[in-house]
Each structure stands twice: as C-alpha cells, then as structure tokens.
Protein backbone atom coordinates (compact mmCIF):
# COMPACT_ATOMS: atom_id res chain seq x y z
CA MET A 1 -59.01 82.47 77.24
CA VAL A 2 -56.35 84.18 79.42
CA GLN A 3 -53.36 82.55 79.13
CA ARG A 4 -51.09 81.65 82.51
CA GLN A 5 -48.05 80.86 83.40
CA ILE A 6 -45.65 80.05 86.35
CA PRO A 7 -44.40 83.12 88.12
CA ARG A 8 -41.10 84.15 88.32
CA PRO A 9 -39.08 84.66 91.57
CA SER A 10 -37.65 87.96 90.13
CA GLU A 11 -40.95 88.91 89.49
CA LEU A 12 -42.22 87.73 92.77
CA LEU A 13 -39.56 89.71 94.08
CA GLU A 14 -40.42 92.66 92.66
CA LEU A 15 -43.80 93.13 94.46
CA MET A 16 -42.40 92.16 97.92
CA LYS A 17 -41.77 95.52 99.01
CA PHE A 18 -42.22 95.44 102.97
CA LYS A 19 -42.65 98.43 104.69
CA LYS A 20 -40.06 98.69 107.28
CA ILE A 21 -41.14 98.27 111.14
CA ASP A 22 -41.34 101.27 113.28
CA LEU A 23 -39.98 100.37 116.93
CA ASP A 24 -41.00 103.24 118.62
CA PRO A 25 -45.12 102.24 119.92
CA LYS A 26 -46.06 105.64 120.28
CA ARG A 27 -45.14 106.94 116.69
CA ARG A 28 -46.32 103.95 115.07
CA ARG A 29 -50.33 104.06 117.10
CA LEU A 30 -50.46 107.69 116.37
CA SER A 31 -48.79 107.06 112.38
CA SER A 32 -51.94 104.71 112.03
CA ALA A 33 -54.50 107.52 112.67
CA LEU A 34 -55.56 109.23 109.93
CA THR A 35 -58.34 110.87 110.97
CA ILE A 36 -59.86 112.38 114.56
CA GLU A 37 -61.69 109.63 114.53
CA ASP A 38 -58.23 107.69 115.16
CA LEU A 39 -57.57 108.83 117.31
CA ARG A 40 -60.83 109.20 119.59
CA THR A 41 -60.31 105.48 119.38
CA ILE A 42 -57.02 105.06 120.59
CA ALA A 43 -57.37 107.51 123.33
CA LYS A 44 -60.58 105.67 124.12
CA ARG A 45 -58.28 102.65 124.76
CA ARG A 46 -55.15 104.13 126.16
CA THR A 47 -57.07 106.29 128.98
CA PRO A 48 -59.01 105.68 132.19
CA ALA A 49 -63.00 105.71 131.40
CA ALA A 50 -63.76 108.71 133.65
CA ALA A 51 -61.07 110.59 132.28
CA PHE A 52 -61.85 109.69 128.71
CA ASP A 53 -65.99 110.17 129.03
CA TYR A 54 -65.14 113.86 130.41
CA THR A 55 -63.63 114.73 127.29
CA ASP A 56 -66.19 112.61 125.37
CA GLY A 57 -69.13 113.46 126.96
CA ALA A 58 -71.55 116.25 126.73
CA ALA A 59 -75.07 116.99 129.16
CA GLU A 60 -77.89 115.18 129.93
CA ARG A 61 -78.80 112.75 126.46
CA GLU A 62 -75.80 114.93 124.64
CA ILE A 63 -77.81 116.27 121.75
CA SER A 64 -76.98 119.14 121.33
CA MET A 65 -73.25 117.74 121.04
CA ARG A 66 -74.63 114.94 118.64
CA ARG A 67 -76.46 117.81 116.07
CA SER A 68 -73.19 120.13 115.98
CA VAL A 69 -71.07 117.14 114.50
CA GLU A 70 -74.33 116.11 112.62
CA ALA A 71 -74.40 119.84 111.45
CA PHE A 72 -71.06 119.82 109.84
CA GLU A 73 -72.00 115.86 108.29
CA ASP A 74 -75.31 117.67 106.70
CA ILE A 75 -73.43 119.55 103.83
CA GLU A 76 -72.77 119.46 100.36
CA PHE A 77 -69.97 121.15 99.06
CA HIS A 78 -69.84 122.35 95.45
CA PRO A 79 -66.69 122.46 93.85
CA SER A 80 -65.68 125.30 91.45
CA ILE A 81 -63.80 123.97 88.01
CA LEU A 82 -60.25 125.47 86.20
CA ASN A 83 -58.67 126.95 88.94
CA ASP A 84 -55.00 126.84 89.49
CA VAL A 85 -54.92 125.03 93.09
CA SER A 86 -51.15 123.28 92.77
CA SER A 87 -50.78 125.44 95.99
CA VAL A 88 -53.04 126.65 98.54
CA ASP A 89 -52.89 129.37 101.28
CA THR A 90 -54.19 128.26 104.83
CA THR A 91 -52.91 131.59 106.29
CA THR A 92 -55.36 134.04 107.90
CA GLN A 93 -55.93 136.73 109.72
CA ILE A 94 -57.71 136.73 113.12
CA LEU A 95 -57.90 139.13 116.20
CA GLY A 96 -54.58 141.46 115.06
CA GLY A 97 -52.26 138.69 114.73
CA SER A 98 -51.29 135.63 111.95
CA SER A 99 -52.38 131.39 112.15
CA ALA A 100 -50.86 129.34 109.77
CA GLN A 101 -54.27 127.86 109.64
CA PRO A 102 -57.79 128.68 110.36
CA PHE A 103 -57.96 126.75 113.56
CA GLY A 104 -56.76 127.38 117.12
CA ILE A 105 -56.41 125.67 120.31
CA ALA A 106 -60.08 125.76 122.42
CA PRO A 107 -59.88 126.06 126.30
CA THR A 108 -60.08 123.00 127.99
CA GLY A 109 -60.48 122.15 131.40
CA PHE A 110 -58.69 119.65 133.95
CA THR A 111 -56.20 118.93 130.62
CA ARG A 112 -53.76 117.09 132.86
CA LEU A 113 -56.05 114.33 133.87
CA MET A 114 -56.50 113.57 129.74
CA GLN A 115 -53.00 113.55 130.15
CA THR A 116 -50.20 114.48 132.30
CA GLU A 117 -48.30 116.47 129.52
CA GLY A 118 -51.40 118.43 129.58
CA GLU A 119 -51.93 122.25 128.76
CA ILE A 120 -47.84 122.42 128.35
CA ALA A 121 -48.43 119.62 125.00
CA GLY A 122 -51.07 122.04 123.56
CA ALA A 123 -49.45 125.49 123.96
CA SER A 124 -45.76 123.88 122.26
CA ALA A 125 -47.94 122.05 119.67
CA ALA A 126 -49.56 125.61 118.81
CA GLY A 127 -46.67 127.60 118.77
CA GLU A 128 -44.73 125.01 116.14
CA ALA A 129 -47.50 124.97 113.96
CA GLY A 130 -47.82 128.97 114.17
CA ILE A 131 -51.46 128.85 115.44
CA PRO A 132 -53.53 130.24 118.45
CA PHE A 133 -53.49 128.12 122.04
CA THR A 134 -55.92 128.89 124.04
CA LEU A 135 -56.00 128.56 128.24
CA SER A 136 -59.31 127.84 130.36
CA THR A 137 -59.70 129.64 133.55
CA LEU A 138 -60.06 125.65 134.62
CA GLY A 139 -56.82 124.76 133.22
CA THR A 140 -54.14 122.64 135.18
CA THR A 141 -50.76 124.73 133.59
CA SER A 142 -50.49 128.13 134.95
CA ILE A 143 -50.48 131.60 133.04
CA GLU A 144 -46.74 131.58 133.33
CA HIS A 145 -45.63 127.87 132.72
CA VAL A 146 -48.30 128.34 129.15
CA LYS A 147 -46.40 131.25 128.25
CA GLU A 148 -42.82 129.44 128.87
CA ALA A 149 -43.82 126.78 126.74
CA ASN A 150 -45.09 129.17 123.58
CA PRO A 151 -42.93 132.15 124.11
CA LEU A 152 -43.09 133.22 121.11
CA GLY A 153 -46.70 132.40 119.69
CA ARG A 154 -50.16 133.43 120.03
CA ASN A 155 -51.44 132.65 123.32
CA TRP A 156 -55.48 133.46 124.21
CA PHE A 157 -56.56 133.34 127.79
CA GLN A 158 -60.34 131.75 128.68
CA LEU A 159 -62.18 133.27 131.45
CA TYR A 160 -64.80 132.88 133.60
CA VAL A 161 -66.11 135.46 136.08
CA MET A 162 -65.98 134.13 139.55
CA ARG A 163 -68.22 134.64 143.01
CA GLN A 164 -64.84 136.44 144.58
CA ARG A 165 -64.44 138.63 141.46
CA GLU A 166 -60.78 139.58 142.74
CA ILE A 167 -59.58 136.16 141.79
CA SER A 168 -60.53 136.51 138.07
CA TYR A 169 -59.50 140.31 138.02
CA GLY A 170 -56.33 138.84 139.40
CA LEU A 171 -56.17 136.15 136.38
CA VAL A 172 -56.71 139.58 133.98
CA GLU A 173 -53.61 141.04 135.21
CA ARG A 174 -51.78 137.91 135.10
CA ALA A 175 -52.66 136.76 131.06
CA ALA A 176 -51.77 140.78 130.26
CA GLU A 177 -48.53 140.77 132.08
CA ALA A 178 -47.75 137.20 130.50
CA GLY A 179 -48.35 138.92 126.88
CA PHE A 180 -51.59 136.87 125.73
CA ASP A 181 -52.66 139.19 123.04
CA THR A 182 -56.23 138.01 123.44
CA LEU A 183 -59.29 137.31 126.52
CA PHE A 184 -62.17 135.21 126.33
CA PHE A 185 -65.06 135.99 128.16
CA THR A 186 -67.27 133.21 128.19
CA VAL A 187 -70.98 133.78 128.77
CA ASP A 188 -72.51 130.49 128.65
CA THR A 189 -71.63 128.88 132.21
CA PRO A 190 -73.59 130.38 135.35
CA VAL A 191 -73.41 127.01 136.19
CA ALA A 192 -72.10 123.78 135.57
CA GLY A 193 -74.30 121.53 133.05
CA ALA A 194 -75.78 118.03 133.87
CA ARG A 195 -72.89 116.01 132.80
CA LEU A 196 -74.22 112.55 133.42
CA ARG A 197 -71.40 110.47 132.46
CA ASP A 198 -69.20 112.09 134.62
CA SER A 199 -71.85 111.56 137.44
CA ARG A 200 -72.15 108.09 137.22
CA ASN A 201 -68.22 107.42 136.96
CA GLY A 202 -68.12 109.78 140.12
CA PHE A 203 -65.48 111.80 138.53
CA SER A 204 -63.73 114.02 140.72
CA ILE A 205 -60.89 116.24 141.11
CA PRO A 206 -57.88 114.56 141.91
CA PRO A 207 -59.27 111.23 140.68
CA GLN A 208 -60.50 108.87 143.72
CA LEU A 209 -59.28 105.28 143.77
CA SER A 210 -62.55 102.96 144.48
CA LEU A 211 -62.31 99.59 143.07
CA GLY A 212 -64.05 100.46 139.69
CA THR A 213 -61.72 102.82 139.09
CA VAL A 214 -58.91 99.93 139.98
CA VAL A 215 -60.42 97.72 137.59
CA ASN A 216 -59.99 100.45 134.79
CA ALA A 217 -57.07 100.91 135.21
CA ILE A 218 -55.19 97.32 135.26
CA PRO A 219 -54.94 97.55 131.30
CA ARG A 220 -54.20 101.22 131.62
CA PRO A 221 -51.05 101.08 133.83
CA TRP A 222 -49.25 103.65 131.99
CA TRP A 223 -51.61 106.27 132.56
CA TRP A 224 -51.33 106.21 136.09
CA TRP A 225 -47.94 105.83 136.30
CA ASP A 226 -47.92 109.03 134.78
CA PHE A 227 -50.36 110.10 137.03
CA LEU A 228 -48.87 109.75 140.57
CA THR A 229 -45.14 110.48 139.17
CA THR A 230 -45.95 113.75 138.41
CA ALA A 231 -45.72 117.30 139.54
CA LYS A 232 -49.39 117.17 141.52
CA LEU A 233 -52.51 119.21 139.60
CA GLU A 234 -51.88 122.78 139.59
CA PHE A 235 -55.19 125.09 138.54
CA ALA A 236 -55.29 128.26 136.93
CA SER A 237 -57.57 129.88 139.68
CA LEU A 238 -58.59 127.41 142.05
CA SER A 239 -57.19 127.37 145.23
CA GLU A 240 -59.81 124.30 146.39
CA THR A 241 -59.71 121.65 144.02
CA GLY A 242 -61.52 118.78 146.39
CA GLY A 243 -64.81 117.18 144.51
CA THR A 244 -66.33 116.81 142.15
CA VAL A 245 -66.60 118.60 138.52
CA GLY A 246 -69.28 120.02 138.87
CA GLU A 247 -69.43 120.84 142.90
CA LEU A 248 -66.36 122.83 141.79
CA LEU A 249 -67.85 124.29 138.68
CA ASN A 250 -70.89 125.53 140.66
CA SER A 251 -68.46 127.00 143.55
CA ALA A 252 -66.66 128.94 140.89
CA MET A 253 -69.11 130.61 138.50
CA ASP A 254 -71.69 132.89 139.27
CA PRO A 255 -75.01 132.85 137.76
CA SER A 256 -75.45 136.46 138.61
CA ILE A 257 -72.55 138.07 136.02
CA ASP A 258 -73.81 140.39 133.85
CA PHE A 259 -72.81 143.27 130.90
CA GLU A 260 -71.17 145.60 133.64
CA ASP A 261 -69.04 143.16 134.31
CA LEU A 262 -68.21 142.48 130.65
CA ALA A 263 -68.05 146.49 131.12
CA GLU A 264 -65.63 146.18 133.98
CA ILE A 265 -63.71 143.50 132.79
CA ARG A 266 -63.53 144.56 129.36
CA LYS A 267 -61.42 147.75 130.96
CA MET A 268 -58.89 146.18 132.49
CA TRP A 269 -57.97 144.08 129.61
CA PRO A 270 -55.49 145.92 126.84
CA GLY A 271 -55.73 143.48 124.10
CA LYS A 272 -58.13 141.74 121.86
CA PHE A 273 -61.51 141.33 123.39
CA ALA A 274 -63.86 138.14 122.05
CA VAL A 275 -67.06 136.96 123.90
CA LYS A 276 -67.24 132.88 124.15
CA GLY A 277 -70.91 131.45 123.99
CA VAL A 278 -72.79 133.32 121.84
CA GLN A 279 -76.17 131.60 120.87
CA THR A 280 -78.56 133.85 119.10
CA LEU A 281 -78.46 136.36 116.69
CA GLU A 282 -79.97 138.80 118.75
CA ASP A 283 -76.85 138.98 121.32
CA ALA A 284 -74.48 138.45 118.67
CA LYS A 285 -75.67 142.11 117.13
CA LYS A 286 -75.35 143.85 120.87
CA LEU A 287 -72.23 142.65 121.33
CA ALA A 288 -71.20 143.88 118.06
CA ASP A 289 -72.94 147.30 118.86
CA LEU A 290 -70.60 147.04 122.07
CA GLY A 291 -67.73 146.90 119.78
CA VAL A 292 -66.04 143.40 121.09
CA ASP A 293 -63.62 142.36 118.92
CA ALA A 294 -64.76 139.09 118.09
CA VAL A 295 -68.01 136.65 119.15
CA VAL A 296 -67.56 132.87 119.26
CA LEU A 297 -70.56 131.04 118.82
CA SER A 298 -70.34 127.97 120.67
CA ASN A 299 -72.48 125.82 122.74
CA HIS A 300 -69.96 124.66 125.21
CA GLY A 301 -69.36 121.77 123.13
CA GLY A 302 -73.02 120.52 124.28
CA ARG A 303 -71.36 120.39 127.70
CA GLN A 304 -73.99 123.07 129.45
CA LEU A 305 -77.35 123.31 127.83
CA ASP A 306 -78.48 120.12 126.31
CA ARG A 307 -80.80 120.92 122.97
CA ALA A 308 -79.31 124.31 122.53
CA PRO A 309 -78.78 125.65 119.18
CA VAL A 310 -76.36 124.23 116.58
CA PRO A 311 -73.27 127.19 116.06
CA PHE A 312 -73.01 126.02 112.60
CA HIS A 313 -76.45 126.41 112.12
CA LEU A 314 -76.06 130.05 113.21
CA LEU A 315 -73.48 130.95 111.52
CA PRO A 316 -74.85 131.88 108.15
CA GLU A 317 -77.89 134.71 109.79
CA VAL A 318 -74.65 135.53 111.97
CA SER A 319 -72.51 136.25 109.30
CA ARG A 320 -74.86 138.38 106.82
CA GLU A 321 -75.66 140.31 109.67
CA ILE A 322 -72.65 141.60 111.79
CA GLY A 323 -69.59 139.51 109.53
CA LYS A 324 -68.66 143.17 108.91
CA ASP A 325 -68.24 144.94 112.06
CA VAL A 326 -67.07 141.90 114.06
CA GLU A 327 -64.92 138.94 113.52
CA ILE A 328 -66.66 135.48 114.06
CA ILE A 329 -65.32 132.38 115.25
CA LEU A 330 -67.08 129.41 115.47
CA ASP A 331 -66.67 126.24 117.88
CA THR A 332 -68.25 122.97 118.47
CA GLY A 333 -68.76 120.36 116.77
CA ILE A 334 -65.49 120.08 114.55
CA ARG A 335 -63.74 116.70 113.64
CA SER A 336 -61.79 117.45 110.37
CA GLY A 337 -60.52 119.89 108.06
CA ALA A 338 -63.43 120.07 105.91
CA ASP A 339 -65.72 120.91 108.21
CA ILE A 340 -63.27 123.55 109.21
CA VAL A 341 -63.43 124.64 105.22
CA ALA A 342 -67.40 124.55 105.08
CA ALA A 343 -67.21 127.57 108.75
CA ILE A 344 -65.25 129.71 106.83
CA ALA A 345 -66.99 129.32 103.99
CA LEU A 346 -70.20 130.11 105.30
CA GLY A 347 -68.84 133.35 107.32
CA ALA A 348 -66.79 132.19 110.21
CA ASP A 349 -63.24 134.10 110.13
CA PHE A 350 -61.64 131.43 112.64
CA THR A 351 -62.68 128.26 113.87
CA MET A 352 -61.35 126.63 117.36
CA ILE A 353 -61.23 122.90 117.89
CA GLY A 354 -61.78 120.81 122.02
CA ARG A 355 -61.85 117.64 122.31
CA ALA A 356 -60.17 116.82 118.88
CA TYR A 357 -57.19 118.57 120.15
CA LEU A 358 -57.85 116.38 123.19
CA TYR A 359 -57.84 113.01 121.72
CA GLY A 360 -54.22 113.76 120.10
CA LEU A 361 -52.88 114.27 123.41
CA MET A 362 -55.18 111.32 125.67
CA ALA A 363 -53.63 109.38 122.07
CA GLY A 364 -49.61 110.27 122.64
CA GLY A 365 -48.94 113.60 124.91
CA LYS A 366 -47.35 116.35 122.80
CA GLU A 367 -46.55 113.87 119.64
CA GLY A 368 -50.86 113.51 119.97
CA VAL A 369 -51.42 116.90 119.69
CA ASP A 370 -49.24 117.59 116.63
CA ARG A 371 -50.98 114.54 114.78
CA THR A 372 -54.38 116.23 115.59
CA ILE A 373 -53.24 119.71 114.02
CA GLU A 374 -51.80 117.62 110.87
CA ILE A 375 -54.40 115.49 110.03
CA LEU A 376 -56.74 118.94 110.20
CA ALA A 377 -53.85 120.72 107.94
CA SER A 378 -53.76 118.55 105.57
CA GLN A 379 -57.38 117.79 105.23
CA VAL A 380 -58.03 121.27 104.79
CA GLU A 381 -55.56 121.88 102.04
CA GLN A 382 -57.18 118.79 100.42
CA THR A 383 -60.50 120.13 100.43
CA MET A 384 -59.46 123.52 99.26
CA LYS A 385 -57.78 121.47 96.41
CA LEU A 386 -61.05 119.80 95.68
CA LEU A 387 -62.90 122.95 96.14
CA GLN A 388 -60.28 124.79 93.63
CA VAL A 389 -60.06 127.42 96.32
CA PRO A 390 -56.47 128.54 96.19
CA THR A 391 -57.22 131.02 98.94
CA LEU A 392 -59.51 131.21 102.51
CA ALA A 393 -60.57 134.67 101.03
CA ASP A 394 -61.75 132.48 98.12
CA LEU A 395 -64.33 130.41 100.06
CA GLY A 396 -68.00 131.73 99.99
CA PRO A 397 -71.35 130.55 100.51
CA GLN A 398 -71.57 129.45 97.10
CA HIS A 399 -69.44 126.36 97.95
CA VAL A 400 -71.32 124.48 101.14
CA THR A 401 -74.86 123.87 101.22
CA GLN A 402 -76.71 123.05 104.58
CA LEU A 403 -78.84 120.42 104.73
CA SER A 404 -80.91 119.92 107.47
CA ARG A 405 -82.28 116.80 109.75
CA LEU A 406 -84.46 119.42 111.15
CA THR A 407 -86.97 122.01 110.79
CA ARG A 408 -88.88 124.55 112.45
CA LEU A 409 -92.43 124.02 112.58
CA GLY A 410 -94.73 127.10 112.56
CA GLU A 411 -91.86 129.47 110.67
CA GLU A 412 -90.99 129.81 106.61
CA GLU A 413 -87.40 128.84 106.14
CA SER A 414 -85.09 131.79 106.24
CA ARG A 415 -81.87 130.16 105.56
CA PRO A 416 -81.06 130.03 102.03
CA ARG A 417 -79.68 127.00 100.47
CA VAL A 418 -80.56 125.16 102.84
CA LEU A 419 -82.39 121.90 102.30
C-alpha cells in the first residue's frame, strides 16, 4: 500500500517556481516559438491574408512546394557513435568567404509588404549572425541601403535579366560598387508562375483598399499602421510599381534570355558568379563546364512551374557528377536545421532559407528574423551532436537515407540508399 501524508507548506513552496512574466509582448511571443512552424503560426495571425499568402503560397496546386517540404520529412538519419561532440563547428566556406552557419538568407521580393522593416531587418540580422544576405531584384530596399544595414557582412545580389537590359546592367554595376561579393543569375523565371492565392486575393503592389482588405485588417491594425506611416515602398529596379504581382513580373521578366545573356552579365561582374534555378543534372553539368562558381538547385520555392523537380531529390546525383568542380547550393523546402544538415550530408556546400526568414520577419520584424536564425542554428547544432559529427566536413551520404513517396515509372531506381 502507498503511504500518504499531508504535504507541508515548505514542501509546496519548493515546487512553486513561477516564471517571471515578460511584459514585452513581442519578446514574449517570439520566445514562445520553438520551431519555424511556430513562427509561421504567429505570422499568419499578425499579417493580412494577401501579404501572408504571397509568402506562404506557391504556383497552381502548390504540388512542388509540398513535395519539396515532404522530401526533407522523408529521410532517415544514421548516427555515428562514440565521437566527441562536446562542441561542434558549424562554420563553413562558401563562394570565397566564410559563414558562421551552413545557411544564408535567400532573395525575396516585395519584402517590406510582409513587414515594414523588410530587407533592412534581414540584412542586419544576417550580418550580426555572420551569415550571408541576398537582395532580390524585386526587393523593396535599395542596394545601397542594404549595404548600410550590413556594412561588414556578406551581401549577395540576385539578378533577373529584364526586357530593358540597361536596367539589369545598371543593377549589376550598383551591386559591384556597393561591395556585394556574389551575383545570383536567376534562370527559372522567364514569366511569372500562376500563383493562384495572389489572384484570388487580388494581391497588388501597392495593396489596394477594398471591402475584403478592410475587413481582414480589422484584427491587424498594427500592420496597416506600420505600412501607412513608414516610407513609400521602393524597389531595387522597377520604376513602375502598380498592378498585380503577376503583371509586374511579366512586365519585368524576359522569356528570350539565353546563354549569351549569361555570358554578357558574367563579363560585367567582378565577384563570384552563381546560377540560381537549376533543375536538371544536364544543365548543372553544362554550367560547371562553363566554369561558374556555384549552381543553386532550386524550383523557386514551388512558385514557378508546379510539379517541377524537387531540389533535394536532385542533390545526390548532382553532387556525385560535379561536386568536385563547382559549389552546390540548395534552396526550397527547408523548414528546420535538420533539413539543412541532411542537405549538407548529401552533397550541398550551402543552403538558403526564404519562407523561414519571412515567417520570422512577419512574426516580429528584425527580432523575428533573429529568432529564425537562432532556431535553425540551434537545430543544426543539436542534429550534428545527435549524429555525432563534430564538423560539417564530417557529414556524408552515410548519415542520411532518402525515403521516397514518389517512384518513376519505367525507370530503374538509380539513386543509392533510396527506399
């Protein structure tokens, strides 16, 4: 029989350890976020539907985005044993410089519409964390202001080649003059993808006040206050900013760009040169033969061609074929530090985060971006320790098995360790 007794008051007092209440609501909500999904939940609650859906959505049925996320879920880790991981080293070298983490911030368009601090928050947070920040051609902060926000850190610039070539050439020159060290030549956006959430929301630049947007704004007055009381949106390239997102993209993009354009821009650029949006092994090989510094395996976050290849599935064969000749960066689908570790193990030299960064931005501005980086960095370190690998260089294909929900009909399975 269990013997029971009345607890003494002194014993009860020992158990009553109340956490001090943080009176700062932003700090309180951000500290409660333990994962990127937690930040997404906060972001959705605090951001008007049109702006949130622009970030959260993808093209058509959003199959590419969903598959890209699922690809990271469908892995199995294989830990080593009896290795000293009392401390682990997450630093890495990429594109001629160092990064404190194996991830950087990807280029995102219309960023100040997500939250008014926009690229300034991203660039300054990245600089403080010692990771690279990438400014989009369709960013809402100028090249020069990003440099001011991140004067000592690594800034990269993502380039769309536009119908008016002189605009693109001018951006290349400005980025070089501002000391950006890498150019990302983007090849997966000849025209805008069919982003149906944006069409259904009537999402435009600048946002238009309608009955729907007014009703949606009622529980989110802080967003509209920030938007209406801060500087007018300013794009890195476009002088004409009116219309839907699709109309803006289609007016700026040029479906006729080819390898001659790549060669022309490359001649102009003095720093490292990467090509973003590579989706086949054959194209990756061709670019490696041309001597580019890096290829970025990406389906644009699923925002362009729906049912495009999953970059994480493509990674092992690209790494085997050209990994010794060119650096490989992976973009799309990353939602945790474990995803980043898996990508490095299967041959990526570096990874980039887009939506994860924007969820943090929408959840709490610059502090929210800090929290995104903090969460991912902590998860990278924890995963490395649990795998018992002290450095990123110690990671390899032996640590990860890709499990696939998809099989190609009429084709023998060619990827090793895929179940």
